[in-house]
């Protein structure tokens, strides 16, 4: 086992851990660290906090993703929160990720341990790459491009407890 906790079997899969059921895998509490880079200005920011994936209260069979912590941008730290809904996807083991108000965000299929998603937002486009390295670590990297934004958001999740 290496320092990430990955096994030789994980390395056979390119360092990605296949996840047969994304909702079961994500359930629980995760420590979150996010780096935000503005490629146009060179500014960087950092979010540190936690994310809890808990059963949805309405019995939809999915998870409520609630993220909270502190975001530092240009030397100013402020509280930050985000809520998403992870519903069962069309294919068993996958998820349909939605904003808190129910609008579609993206699909998530980690059955190979890695997935690429896209999301148009006005004139900008979000391209997300999700990678599971082992049972306690996963990462998302969002590249946001368009007339309003030129960003890279790299988020590392570490399972707590």
Protein backbone atom coordinates (compact mmCIF):
# COMPACT_ATOMS: atom_id res chain seq x y z
CA UNK A 1 0.00 0.00 0.00
CA UNK A 2 1.29 3.50 -0.81
CA UNK A 3 0.78 6.64 1.29
CA UNK A 4 -2.66 7.31 -0.25
CA UNK A 5 -3.88 3.93 0.92
CA UNK A 6 -4.13 2.62 -2.65
CA UNK A 7 -3.39 -1.03 -3.25
CA UNK A 8 -1.67 -2.78 -6.15
CA UNK A 9 -5.15 -3.61 -7.51
CA UNK A 10 -5.96 0.10 -7.63
CA UNK A 11 -2.82 0.74 -9.65
CA UNK A 12 -3.95 -1.82 -12.23
CA UNK A 13 -6.95 0.46 -12.82
CA UNK A 14 -4.70 3.46 -13.45
CA UNK A 15 -4.81 4.51 -9.81
CA UNK A 16 -8.61 4.73 -9.86
CA UNK A 17 -10.81 2.74 -7.51
CA UNK A 18 -13.99 1.48 -9.23
CA UNK A 19 -17.11 2.36 -7.23
CA UNK A 20 -20.07 0.06 -7.97
CA UNK A 21 -22.58 2.34 -6.16
CA UNK A 22 -21.73 6.05 -6.00
CA UNK A 23 -24.43 6.89 -3.44
CA UNK A 24 -23.32 4.16 -1.03
CA UNK A 25 -19.69 5.22 -1.46
CA UNK A 26 -20.28 8.93 -0.82
CA UNK A 27 -22.57 8.53 2.20
CA UNK A 28 -21.02 10.00 5.34
CA UNK A 29 -18.80 12.92 6.30
CA UNK A 30 -15.81 14.16 4.29
CA UNK A 31 -13.12 16.78 5.03
CA UNK A 32 -12.90 19.14 2.04
CA UNK A 33 -10.05 21.28 0.73
CA UNK A 34 -10.58 23.29 -2.46
CA UNK A 35 -8.14 25.45 -4.38
CA UNK A 36 -9.65 28.01 -6.73
CA UNK A 37 -7.39 29.50 -9.40
CA UNK A 38 -8.46 32.39 -11.61
CA UNK A 39 -6.41 31.80 -14.74
CA UNK A 40 -7.11 35.30 -16.09
CA UNK A 41 -5.94 37.27 -13.03
CA UNK A 42 -3.63 34.73 -11.38
CA UNK A 43 -5.54 35.05 -8.10
CA UNK A 44 -5.97 31.97 -5.92
CA UNK A 45 -8.39 31.16 -3.16
CA UNK A 46 -8.90 28.31 -0.73
CA UNK A 47 -11.93 26.65 0.82
CA UNK A 48 -11.59 24.44 3.90
CA UNK A 49 -14.50 22.70 5.52
CA UNK A 50 -16.60 19.57 5.45
CA UNK A 51 -19.27 17.89 3.35
CA UNK A 52 -21.94 15.60 4.71
CA UNK A 53 -23.80 13.22 2.40
CA UNK A 54 -26.93 12.25 4.36
CA UNK A 55 -30.15 10.51 3.27
CA UNK A 56 -32.66 12.88 1.67
CA UNK A 57 -35.47 13.67 4.11
CA UNK A 58 -38.17 13.18 1.45
CA UNK A 59 -37.48 9.48 0.88
CA UNK A 60 -36.23 9.83 -2.73
CA UNK A 61 -33.49 7.32 -1.99
CA UNK A 62 -30.71 9.80 -2.68
CA UNK A 63 -28.35 11.93 -0.64
CA UNK A 64 -28.37 15.54 0.48
CA UNK A 65 -24.88 17.03 0.05
CA UNK A 66 -24.30 19.86 2.52
CA UNK A 67 -20.94 21.60 2.40
CA UNK A 68 -19.82 24.26 4.87
CA UNK A 69 -16.57 25.92 5.77
CA UNK A 70 -14.47 29.01 5.18
CA UNK A 71 -13.43 30.44 1.82
CA UNK A 72 -10.45 32.77 1.59
CA UNK A 73 -10.17 34.98 -1.51
CA UNK A 74 -7.80 37.92 -1.90
CA UNK A 75 -6.93 37.76 1.79
CA UNK A 76 -10.53 37.88 3.02
CA UNK A 77 -12.04 34.82 4.73
CA UNK A 78 -15.80 34.31 4.75
CA UNK A 79 -18.15 31.46 5.65
CA UNK A 80 -19.32 29.48 2.63
CA UNK A 81 -21.98 26.82 2.10
CA UNK A 82 -23.34 24.75 -0.76
CA UNK A 83 -26.18 22.25 -1.00
CA UNK A 84 -26.69 19.66 -3.75
CA UNK A 85 -29.01 16.69 -4.19
CA UNK A 86 -27.57 13.35 -5.35
CA UNK A 87 -30.44 11.23 -6.70
CA UNK A 88 -30.25 7.67 -8.04
CA UNK A 89 -29.16 7.82 -11.69
CA UNK A 90 -30.77 6.22 -14.71
CA UNK A 91 -28.20 3.40 -14.56
CA UNK A 92 -27.88 1.44 -11.26
CA UNK A 93 -24.88 2.62 -9.23
CA UNK A 94 -24.81 6.12 -10.77
CA UNK A 95 -26.16 9.48 -9.55
CA UNK A 96 -28.11 12.37 -10.98
CA UNK A 97 -26.64 15.47 -9.30
CA UNK A 98 -28.98 18.43 -8.92
CA UNK A 99 -28.81 21.88 -7.40
CA UNK A 100 -30.68 22.43 -4.12
CA UNK A 101 -33.70 23.79 -6.04
CA UNK A 102 -33.89 20.65 -8.21
CA UNK A 103 -32.34 22.02 -11.41
CA UNK A 104 -30.06 19.49 -13.19
CA UNK A 105 -26.31 19.84 -12.64
CA UNK A 106 -24.59 16.71 -13.98
CA UNK A 107 -24.57 12.93 -13.95
CA UNK A 108 -21.98 11.01 -11.91
CA UNK A 109 -20.80 7.50 -12.78
CA UNK A 110 -17.80 6.28 -10.80
CA UNK A 111 -18.07 2.59 -11.75
CA UNK A 112 -14.61 2.84 -13.37
CA UNK A 113 -13.27 5.13 -10.61
CA UNK A 114 -13.20 8.13 -12.92
CA UNK A 115 -15.82 10.25 -14.68
CA UNK A 116 -16.00 13.41 -16.80
CA UNK A 117 -19.11 15.60 -16.61
CA UNK A 118 -20.18 18.81 -18.29
CA UNK A 119 -22.52 21.62 -17.33
CA UNK A 120 -23.39 24.72 -19.40
CA UNK A 121 -24.01 27.82 -17.29
CA UNK A 122 -25.11 30.86 -19.30
CA UNK A 123 -22.27 31.43 -21.77
CA UNK A 124 -19.71 29.57 -19.62
CA UNK A 125 -19.06 25.83 -19.58
CA UNK A 126 -18.07 23.71 -16.57
CA UNK A 127 -16.09 20.51 -17.25
CA UNK A 128 -15.63 18.30 -14.19
CA UNK A 129 -13.32 15.32 -13.77
CA UNK A 130 -13.98 13.05 -10.80
CA UNK A 131 -11.43 10.50 -9.59
CA UNK A 132 -11.64 8.01 -6.70
CA UNK A 133 -8.16 6.95 -5.54
CA UNK A 134 -9.23 4.72 -2.64
CA UNK A 135 -12.11 4.17 -0.21
CA UNK A 136 -11.24 7.30 1.76
CA UNK A 137 -10.11 9.76 -0.94
CA UNK A 138 -11.60 11.29 -4.07
CA UNK A 139 -11.07 14.45 -6.09
CA UNK A 140 -13.00 16.69 -8.42
CA UNK A 141 -11.38 19.14 -10.82
CA UNK A 142 -13.67 21.64 -12.50
CA UNK A 143 -12.39 23.72 -15.42
CA UNK A 144 -14.70 26.69 -16.00
CA UNK A 145 -14.32 28.64 -19.22
CA UNK A 146 -16.23 31.27 -21.11
CA UNK A 147 -16.64 35.01 -21.37
CA UNK A 148 -17.33 35.47 -17.65
CA UNK A 149 -14.97 32.94 -16.07
CA UNK A 150 -11.58 31.29 -16.54
CA UNK A 151 -11.16 29.13 -13.44
CA UNK A 152 -9.84 25.80 -12.17
CA UNK A 153 -11.37 24.44 -8.96
CA UNK A 154 -9.58 21.43 -7.46
CA UNK A 155 -11.34 19.77 -4.53
CA UNK A 156 -9.92 16.96 -2.41
CA UNK A 157 -12.22 14.90 -0.20
CA UNK A 158 -10.95 12.79 2.71
CA UNK A 159 -13.39 10.54 4.57
CA UNK A 160 -13.82 11.40 8.25
CA UNK A 161 -14.45 8.82 10.95
